[in-house]
Amino acid sequence: MVCAPILFALAYTVPDVRREGMANYWALSFLLSILWIGASSYLMVWWATVVGGVVRSPAPVHASPRSFSGRSIFQKPSNSVETV
């Protein structure tokens, strides 16, 4: 239920190259996927900054998503140590 909005948005904007007849659209699918990753990363950092400003948290606390972006889930615990 929580993932439904993003799943619907991706289903309607990124061609599914696994379907028959859509294999030729692999480059478009790749580029749109990169755009979605970039947009969601930007929004995540922006929302974290806004929420951090609203709750008046110190900069290292709400700046944590900035250091997490672009890194794997396995590196996140070590990234939180780097941020503080």
PDB file of N, CA and C in Angstrom:
ATOM      1  N   MET A   1       0.827  -1.190   0.000  1.00  0.00           N
ATOM      2  CA  MET A   1       0.000   0.000   0.000  1.00  0.00           C
ATOM      3  C   MET A   1       0.874   1.258   0.000  1.00  0.00           C
ATOM      4  N   VAL A   2       1.951   1.242   0.754  1.00  0.00           N
ATOM      5  CA  VAL A   2       2.821   2.404   0.832  1.00  0.00           C
ATOM      6  C   VAL A   2       3.573   2.599  -0.475  1.00  0.00           C
ATOM      7  N   CYS A   3       3.936   1.522  -1.130  1.00  0.00           N
ATOM      8  CA  CYS A   3       4.721   1.597  -2.374  1.00  0.00           C
ATOM      9  C   CYS A   3       3.858   1.819  -3.604  1.00  0.00           C
ATOM     10  N   ALA A   4       2.554   1.773  -3.474  1.00  0.00           N
ATOM     11  CA  ALA A   4       1.668   1.865  -4.630  1.00  0.00           C
ATOM     12  C   ALA A   4       1.867   3.132  -5.457  1.00  0.00           C
ATOM     13  N   PRO A   5       1.990   4.323  -4.872  1.00  0.00           N
ATOM     14  CA  PRO A   5       2.147   5.507  -5.722  1.00  0.00           C
ATOM     15  C   PRO A   5       3.394   5.461  -6.603  1.00  0.00           C
ATOM     16  N   ILE A   6       4.512   5.058  -6.056  1.00  0.00           N
ATOM     17  CA  ILE A   6       5.729   5.015  -6.859  1.00  0.00           C
ATOM     18  C   ILE A   6       5.663   3.893  -7.896  1.00  0.00           C
ATOM     19  N   LEU A   7       5.053   2.778  -7.546  1.00  0.00           N
ATOM     20  CA  LEU A   7       4.914   1.681  -8.507  1.00  0.00           C
ATOM     21  C   LEU A   7       4.042   2.090  -9.690  1.00  0.00           C
ATOM     22  N   PHE A   8       2.949   2.792  -9.414  1.00  0.00           N
ATOM     23  CA  PHE A   8       2.085   3.256 -10.497  1.00  0.00           C
ATOM     24  C   PHE A   8       2.806   4.288 -11.356  1.00  0.00           C
ATOM     25  N   ALA A   9       3.532   5.212 -10.725  1.00  0.00           N
ATOM     26  CA  ALA A   9       4.258   6.234 -11.484  1.00  0.00           C
ATOM     27  C   ALA A   9       5.316   5.593 -12.373  1.00  0.00           C
ATOM     28  N   LEU A  10       6.052   4.631 -11.850  1.00  0.00           N
ATOM     29  CA  LEU A  10       7.075   3.964 -12.655  1.00  0.00           C
ATOM     30  C   LEU A  10       6.452   3.129 -13.772  1.00  0.00           C
ATOM     31  N   ALA A  11       5.343   2.480 -13.488  1.00  0.00           N
ATOM     32  CA  ALA A  11       4.693   1.636 -14.492  1.00  0.00           C
ATOM     33  C   ALA A  11       4.204   2.462 -15.686  1.00  0.00           C
ATOM     34  N   TYR A  12       3.807   3.708 -15.439  1.00  0.00           N
ATOM     35  CA  TYR A  12       3.279   4.537 -16.519  1.00  0.00           C
ATOM     36  C   TYR A  12       4.333   5.415 -17.189  1.00  0.00           C
ATOM     37  N   THR A  13       5.519   5.540 -16.604  1.00  0.00           N
ATOM     38  CA  THR A  13       6.525   6.423 -17.201  1.00  0.00           C
ATOM     39  C   THR A  13       7.756   5.703 -17.733  1.00  0.00           C
ATOM     40  N   VAL A  14       8.038   4.504 -17.252  1.00  0.00           N
ATOM     41  CA  VAL A  14       9.222   3.760 -17.692  1.00  0.00           C
ATOM     42  C   VAL A  14       8.767   2.521 -18.459  1.00  0.00           C
ATOM     43  N   PRO A  15       9.162   2.396 -19.732  1.00  0.00           N
ATOM     44  CA  PRO A  15       8.751   1.219 -20.495  1.00  0.00           C
ATOM     45  C   PRO A  15       9.358  -0.069 -19.924  1.00  0.00           C
ATOM     46  N   ASP A  16       8.539  -1.098 -19.848  1.00  0.00           N
ATOM     47  CA  ASP A  16       8.985  -2.401 -19.339  1.00  0.00           C
ATOM     48  C   ASP A  16       9.564  -3.193 -20.502  1.00  0.00           C
ATOM     49  N   VAL A  17      10.884  -3.269 -20.556  1.00  0.00           N
ATOM     50  CA  VAL A  17      11.551  -3.922 -21.687  1.00  0.00           C
ATOM     51  C   VAL A  17      11.468  -5.439 -21.622  1.00  0.00           C
ATOM     52  N   ARG A  18      10.926  -5.978 -20.554  1.00  0.00           N
ATOM     53  CA  ARG A  18      10.753  -7.434 -20.466  1.00  0.00           C
ATOM     54  C   ARG A  18       9.554  -7.899 -21.284  1.00  0.00           C
ATOM     55  N   ARG A  19       8.648  -6.981 -21.580  1.00  0.00           N
ATOM     56  CA  ARG A  19       7.463  -7.340 -22.364  1.00  0.00           C
ATOM     57  C   ARG A  19       7.828  -7.487 -23.832  1.00  0.00           C
ATOM     58  N   GLU A  20       7.104  -8.337 -24.501  1.00  0.00           N
ATOM     59  CA  GLU A  20       7.382  -8.618 -25.912  1.00  0.00           C
ATOM     60  C   GLU A  20       7.148  -7.366 -26.763  1.00  0.00           C
ATOM     61  N   GLY A  21       8.087  -7.083 -27.619  1.00  0.00           N
ATOM     62  CA  GLY A  21       7.985  -5.931 -28.495  1.00  0.00           C
ATOM     63  C   GLY A  21       8.532  -4.637 -27.904  1.00  0.00           C
ATOM     64  N   MET A  22       8.951  -4.667 -26.645  1.00  0.00           N
ATOM     65  CA  MET A  22       9.451  -3.462 -25.996  1.00  0.00           C
ATOM     66  C   MET A  22      10.970  -3.476 -25.805  1.00  0.00           C
ATOM     67  N   ALA A  23      11.636  -4.517 -26.267  1.00  0.00           N
ATOM     68  CA  ALA A  23      13.081  -4.656 -26.055  1.00  0.00           C
ATOM     69  C   ALA A  23      13.873  -3.535 -26.718  1.00  0.00           C
ATOM     70  N   ASN A  24      13.337  -2.942 -27.750  1.00  0.00           N
ATOM     71  CA  ASN A  24      14.038  -1.858 -28.447  1.00  0.00           C
ATOM     72  C   ASN A  24      14.070  -0.561 -27.645  1.00  0.00           C
ATOM     73  N   TYR A  25      13.288  -0.478 -26.589  1.00  0.00           N
ATOM     74  CA  TYR A  25      13.212   0.734 -25.774  1.00  0.00           C
ATOM     75  C   TYR A  25      14.112   0.673 -24.544  1.00  0.00           C
ATOM     76  N   TRP A  26      15.131  -0.166 -24.589  1.00  0.00           N
ATOM     77  CA  TRP A  26      16.006  -0.334 -23.423  1.00  0.00           C
ATOM     78  C   TRP A  26      16.732   0.951 -23.056  1.00  0.00           C
ATOM     79  N   ALA A  27      17.162   1.741 -24.032  1.00  0.00           N
ATOM     80  CA  ALA A  27      17.888   2.983 -23.740  1.00  0.00           C
ATOM     81  C   ALA A  27      16.964   4.008 -23.071  1.00  0.00           C
ATOM     82  N   LEU A  28      15.751   4.120 -23.575  1.00  0.00           N
ATOM     83  CA  LEU A  28      14.778   5.031 -22.969  1.00  0.00           C
ATOM     84  C   LEU A  28      14.464   4.605 -21.540  1.00  0.00           C
ATOM     85  N   SER A  29      14.288   3.312 -21.335  1.00  0.00           N
ATOM     86  CA  SER A  29      14.026   2.789 -19.999  1.00  0.00           C
ATOM     87  C   SER A  29      15.183   3.085 -19.059  1.00  0.00           C
ATOM     88  N   PHE A  30      16.399   2.926 -19.537  1.00  0.00           N
ATOM     89  CA  PHE A  30      17.595   3.195 -18.738  1.00  0.00           C
ATOM     90  C   PHE A  30      17.670   4.671 -18.353  1.00  0.00           C
ATOM     91  N   LEU A  31      17.480   5.561 -19.330  1.00  0.00           N
ATOM     92  CA  LEU A  31      17.550   6.995 -19.052  1.00  0.00           C
ATOM     93  C   LEU A  31      16.450   7.462 -18.110  1.00  0.00           C
ATOM     94  N   LEU A  32      15.239   6.958 -18.299  1.00  0.00           N
ATOM     95  CA  LEU A  32      14.138   7.330 -17.405  1.00  0.00           C
ATOM     96  C   LEU A  32      14.371   6.805 -15.990  1.00  0.00           C
ATOM     97  N   SER A  33      14.973   5.642 -15.870  1.00  0.00           N
ATOM     98  CA  SER A  33      15.298   5.116 -14.544  1.00  0.00           C
ATOM     99  C   SER A  33      16.312   5.997 -13.836  1.00  0.00           C
ATOM    100  N   ILE A  34      17.308   6.464 -14.574  1.00  0.00           N
ATOM    101  CA  ILE A  34      18.304   7.369 -13.996  1.00  0.00           C
ATOM    102  C   ILE A  34      17.648   8.681 -13.576  1.00  0.00           C
ATOM    103  N   LEU A  35      16.742   9.194 -14.394  1.00  0.00           N
ATOM    104  CA  LEU A  35      16.032  10.423 -14.032  1.00  0.00           C
ATOM    105  C   LEU A  35      15.201  10.236 -12.767  1.00  0.00           C
ATOM    106  N   TRP A  36      14.523   9.092 -12.648  1.00  0.00           N
ATOM    107  CA  TRP A  36      13.731   8.810 -11.451  1.00  0.00           C
ATOM    108  C   TRP A  36      14.614   8.724 -10.206  1.00  0.00           C
ATOM    109  N   ILE A  37      15.771   8.090 -10.332  1.00  0.00           N
ATOM    110  CA  ILE A  37      16.688   7.988  -9.194  1.00  0.00           C
ATOM    111  C   ILE A  37      17.172   9.379  -8.789  1.00  0.00           C
ATOM    112  N   GLY A  38      17.539  10.194  -9.760  1.00  0.00           N
ATOM    113  CA  GLY A  38      17.989  11.546  -9.464  1.00  0.00           C
ATOM    114  C   GLY A  38      16.908  12.399  -8.824  1.00  0.00           C
ATOM    115  N   ALA A  39      15.700  12.333  -9.363  1.00  0.00           N
ATOM    116  CA  ALA A  39      14.593  13.121  -8.815  1.00  0.00           C
ATOM    117  C   ALA A  39      14.245  12.680  -7.399  1.00  0.00           C
ATOM    118  N   SER A  40      14.202  11.378  -7.164  1.00  0.00           N
ATOM    119  CA  SER A  40      13.855  10.911  -5.822  1.00  0.00           C
ATOM    120  C   SER A  40      14.959  11.245  -4.818  1.00  0.00           C
ATOM    121  N   SER A  41      16.221  11.206  -5.238  1.00  0.00           N
ATOM    122  CA  SER A  41      17.321  11.590  -4.350  1.00  0.00           C
ATOM    123  C   SER A  41      17.243  13.071  -4.003  1.00  0.00           C
ATOM    124  N   TYR A  42      16.983  13.899  -4.998  1.00  0.00           N
ATOM    125  CA  TYR A  42      16.848  15.334  -4.758  1.00  0.00           C
ATOM    126  C   TYR A  42      15.708  15.622  -3.783  1.00  0.00           C
ATOM    127  N   LEU A  43      14.554  15.003  -4.031  1.00  0.00           N
ATOM    128  CA  LEU A  43      13.403  15.234  -3.160  1.00  0.00           C
ATOM    129  C   LEU A  43      13.653  14.739  -1.745  1.00  0.00           C
ATOM    130  N   MET A  44      14.323  13.605  -1.599  1.00  0.00           N
ATOM    131  CA  MET A  44      14.615  13.077  -0.266  1.00  0.00           C
ATOM    132  C   MET A  44      15.472  14.059   0.532  1.00  0.00           C
ATOM    133  N   VAL A  45      16.495  14.614  -0.100  1.00  0.00           N
ATOM    134  CA  VAL A  45      17.371  15.560   0.591  1.00  0.00           C
ATOM    135  C   VAL A  45      16.631  16.855   0.884  1.00  0.00           C
ATOM    136  N   TRP A  46      15.831  17.317  -0.053  1.00  0.00           N
ATOM    137  CA  TRP A  46      15.074  18.551   0.153  1.00  0.00           C
ATOM    138  C   TRP A  46      14.092  18.396   1.311  1.00  0.00           C
ATOM    139  N   TRP A  47      13.355  17.269   1.329  1.00  0.00           N
ATOM    140  CA  TRP A  47      12.388  17.044   2.400  1.00  0.00           C
ATOM    141  C   TRP A  47      13.076  16.887   3.754  1.00  0.00           C
ATOM    142  N   ALA A  48      14.231  16.240   3.767  1.00  0.00           N
ATOM    143  CA  ALA A  48      14.975  16.098   5.023  1.00  0.00           C
ATOM    144  C   ALA A  48      15.433  17.465   5.524  1.00  0.00           C
ATOM    145  N   THR A  49      15.833  18.338   4.617  1.00  0.00           N
ATOM    146  CA  THR A  49      16.252  19.686   5.000  1.00  0.00           C
ATOM    147  C   THR A  49      15.080  20.484   5.540  1.00  0.00           C
ATOM    148  N   VAL A  50      13.930  20.379   4.889  1.00  0.00           N
ATOM    149  CA  VAL A  50      12.735  21.100   5.343  1.00  0.00           C
ATOM    150  C   VAL A  50      12.290  20.594   6.716  1.00  0.00           C
ATOM    151  N   VAL A  51      12.231  19.288   6.866  1.00  0.00           N
ATOM    152  CA  VAL A  51      11.826  18.718   8.162  1.00  0.00           C
ATOM    153  C   VAL A  51      12.831  19.091   9.237  1.00  0.00           C
ATOM    154  N   GLY A  52      14.117  19.059   8.908  1.00  0.00           N
ATOM    155  CA  GLY A  52      15.138  19.455   9.862  1.00  0.00           C
ATOM    156  C   GLY A  52      14.994  20.904  10.279  1.00  0.00           C
ATOM    157  N   GLY A  53      14.615  21.764   9.355  1.00  0.00           N
ATOM    158  CA  GLY A  53      14.382  23.163   9.692  1.00  0.00           C
ATOM    159  C   GLY A  53      13.151  23.357  10.549  1.00  0.00           C
ATOM    160  N   VAL A  54      12.107  22.579  10.285  1.00  0.00           N
ATOM    161  CA  VAL A  54      10.867  22.698  11.051  1.00  0.00           C
ATOM    162  C   VAL A  54      11.066  22.244  12.492  1.00  0.00           C
ATOM    163  N   VAL A  55      11.764  21.140  12.688  1.00  0.00           N
ATOM    164  CA  VAL A  55      11.972  20.635  14.050  1.00  0.00           C
ATOM    165  C   VAL A  55      13.215  21.226  14.699  1.00  0.00           C
ATOM    166  N   ARG A  56      13.887  22.123  13.970  1.00  0.00           N
ATOM    167  CA  ARG A  56      15.070  22.841  14.460  1.00  0.00           C
ATOM    168  C   ARG A  56      16.171  21.890  14.935  1.00  0.00           C
ATOM    169  N   SER A  57      16.437  20.890  14.116  1.00  0.00           N
ATOM    170  CA  SER A  57      17.509  19.961  14.455  1.00  0.00           C
ATOM    171  C   SER A  57      18.842  20.540  13.990  1.00  0.00           C
ATOM    172  N   PRO A  58      19.930  20.156  14.634  1.00  0.00           N
ATOM    173  CA  PRO A  58      21.236  20.646  14.186  1.00  0.00           C
ATOM    174  C   PRO A  58      21.557  20.131  12.779  1.00  0.00           C
ATOM    175  N   ALA A  59      22.386  20.866  12.078  1.00  0.00           N
ATOM    176  CA  ALA A  59      22.702  20.538  10.687  1.00  0.00           C
ATOM    177  C   ALA A  59      23.238  19.120  10.497  1.00  0.00           C
ATOM    178  N   PRO A  60      24.125  18.601  11.360  1.00  0.00           N
ATOM    179  CA  PRO A  60      24.607  17.229  11.126  1.00  0.00           C
ATOM    180  C   PRO A  60      23.502  16.174  11.192  1.00  0.00           C
ATOM    181  N   VAL A  61      22.438  16.457  11.932  1.00  0.00           N
ATOM    182  CA  VAL A  61      21.355  15.477  12.043  1.00  0.00           C
ATOM    183  C   VAL A  61      20.537  15.437  10.767  1.00  0.00           C
ATOM    184  N   HIS A  62      20.081  16.579  10.274  1.00  0.00           N
ATOM    185  CA  HIS A  62      19.257  16.532   9.065  1.00  0.00           C
ATOM    186  C   HIS A  62      20.095  16.530   7.790  1.00  0.00           C
ATOM    187  N   ALA A  63      21.401  16.631   7.899  1.00  0.00           N
ATOM    188  CA  ALA A  63      22.267  16.516   6.719  1.00  0.00           C
ATOM    189  C   ALA A  63      22.662  15.066   6.445  1.00  0.00           C
ATOM    190  N   SER A  64      22.281  14.146   7.315  1.00  0.00           N
ATOM    191  CA  SER A  64      22.639  12.736   7.138  1.00  0.00           C
ATOM    192  C   SER A  64      22.190  12.163   5.799  1.00  0.00           C
ATOM    193  N   PRO A  65      20.970  12.448   5.324  1.00  0.00           N
ATOM    194  CA  PRO A  65      20.592  11.895   4.014  1.00  0.00           C
ATOM    195  C   PRO A  65      21.513  12.354   2.893  1.00  0.00           C
ATOM    196  N   ARG A  66      22.124  13.518   3.026  1.00  0.00           N
ATOM    197  CA  ARG A  66      23.044  13.975   1.983  1.00  0.00           C
ATOM    198  C   ARG A  66      24.248  13.049   1.880  1.00  0.00           C
ATOM    199  N   SER A  67      24.738  12.584   3.018  1.00  0.00           N
ATOM    200  CA  SER A  67      25.891  11.689   2.964  1.00  0.00           C
ATOM    201  C   SER A  67      25.484  10.274   2.573  1.00  0.00           C
ATOM    202  N   PHE A  68      24.202   9.921   2.768  1.00  0.00           N
ATOM    203  CA  PHE A  68      23.741   8.583   2.411  1.00  0.00           C
ATOM    204  C   PHE A  68      23.459   8.448   0.928  1.00  0.00           C
ATOM    205  N   SER A  69      23.137   9.539   0.250  1.00  0.00           N
ATOM    206  CA  SER A  69      22.706   9.426  -1.141  1.00  0.00           C
ATOM    207  C   SER A  69      23.830   8.874  -2.011  1.00  0.00           C
ATOM    208  N   GLY A  70      23.477   7.912  -2.811  1.00  0.00           N
ATOM    209  CA  GLY A  70      24.438   7.323  -3.716  1.00  0.00           C
ATOM    210  C   GLY A  70      25.284   6.223  -3.111  1.00  0.00           C
ATOM    211  N   ARG A  71      24.999   5.818  -1.901  1.00  0.00           N
ATOM    212  CA  ARG A  71      25.780   4.753  -1.272  1.00  0.00           C
ATOM    213  C   ARG A  71      24.867   3.569  -0.981  1.00  0.00           C
ATOM    214  N   SER A  72      25.456   2.418  -0.825  1.00  0.00           N
ATOM    215  CA  SER A  72      24.645   1.224  -0.631  1.00  0.00           C
ATOM    216  C   SER A  72      24.140   1.135   0.811  1.00  0.00           C
ATOM    217  N   ILE A  73      23.160   0.288   1.000  1.00  0.00           N
ATOM    218  CA  ILE A  73      22.541   0.110   2.312  1.00  0.00           C
ATOM    219  C   ILE A  73      23.547  -0.431   3.330  1.00  0.00           C
ATOM    220  N   PHE A  74      24.540  -1.176   2.866  1.00  0.00           N
ATOM    221  CA  PHE A  74      25.508  -1.762   3.776  1.00  0.00           C
ATOM    222  C   PHE A  74      26.489  -0.738   4.316  1.00  0.00           C
ATOM    223  N   GLN A  75      26.608   0.397   3.656  1.00  0.00           N
ATOM    224  CA  GLN A  75      27.526   1.435   4.101  1.00  0.00           C
ATOM    225  C   GLN A  75      26.861   2.463   5.012  1.00  0.00           C
ATOM    226  N   LYS A  76      25.553   2.421   5.153  1.00  0.00           N
ATOM    227  CA  LYS A  76      24.847   3.456   5.920  1.00  0.00           C
ATOM    228  C   LYS A  76      25.276   3.538   7.380  1.00  0.00           C
ATOM    229  N   PRO A  77      25.462   2.445   8.111  1.00  0.00           N
ATOM    230  CA  PRO A  77      25.898   2.610   9.505  1.00  0.00           C
ATOM    231  C   PRO A  77      27.241   3.336   9.612  1.00  0.00           C
ATOM    232  N   SER A  78      28.162   3.048   8.725  1.00  0.00           N
ATOM    233  CA  SER A  78      29.448   3.742   8.790  1.00  0.00           C
ATOM    234  C   SER A  78      29.314   5.196   8.344  1.00  0.00           C
ATOM    235  N   ASN A  79      28.354   5.489   7.447  1.00  0.00           N
ATOM    236  CA  ASN A  79      28.152   6.856   7.012  1.00  0.00           C
ATOM    237  C   ASN A  79      27.610   7.729   8.134  1.00  0.00           C
ATOM    238  N   SER A  80      26.796   7.169   9.009  1.00  0.00           N
ATOM    239  CA  SER A  80      26.269   7.962  10.107  1.00  0.00           C
ATOM    240  C   SER A  80      27.388   8.339  11.061  1.00  0.00           C
ATOM    241  N   VAL A  81      28.401   7.519  11.187  1.00  0.00           N
ATOM    242  CA  VAL A  81      29.550   7.844  12.027  1.00  0.00           C
ATOM    243  C   VAL A  81      30.338   8.971  11.382  1.00  0.00           C
ATOM    244  N   GLU A  82      30.484   8.948  10.043  1.00  0.00           N
ATOM    245  CA  GLU A  82      31.225   9.981   9.331  1.00  0.00           C
ATOM    246  C   GLU A  82      30.528  11.334   9.445  1.00  0.00           C
ATOM    247  N   THR A  83      29.195  11.332   9.443  1.00  0.00           N
ATOM    248  CA  THR A  83      28.432  12.579   9.448  1.00  0.00           C
ATOM    249  C   THR A  83      28.581  13.316  10.776  1.00  0.00           C
ATOM    250  N   VAL A  84      28.576  12.579  11.873  1.00  0.00           N
ATOM    251  CA  VAL A  84      28.634  13.189  13.202  1.00  0.00           C
ATOM    252  C   VAL A  84      30.014  13.533  13.530  1.00  0.00           C
TER     253      VAL A  84
END
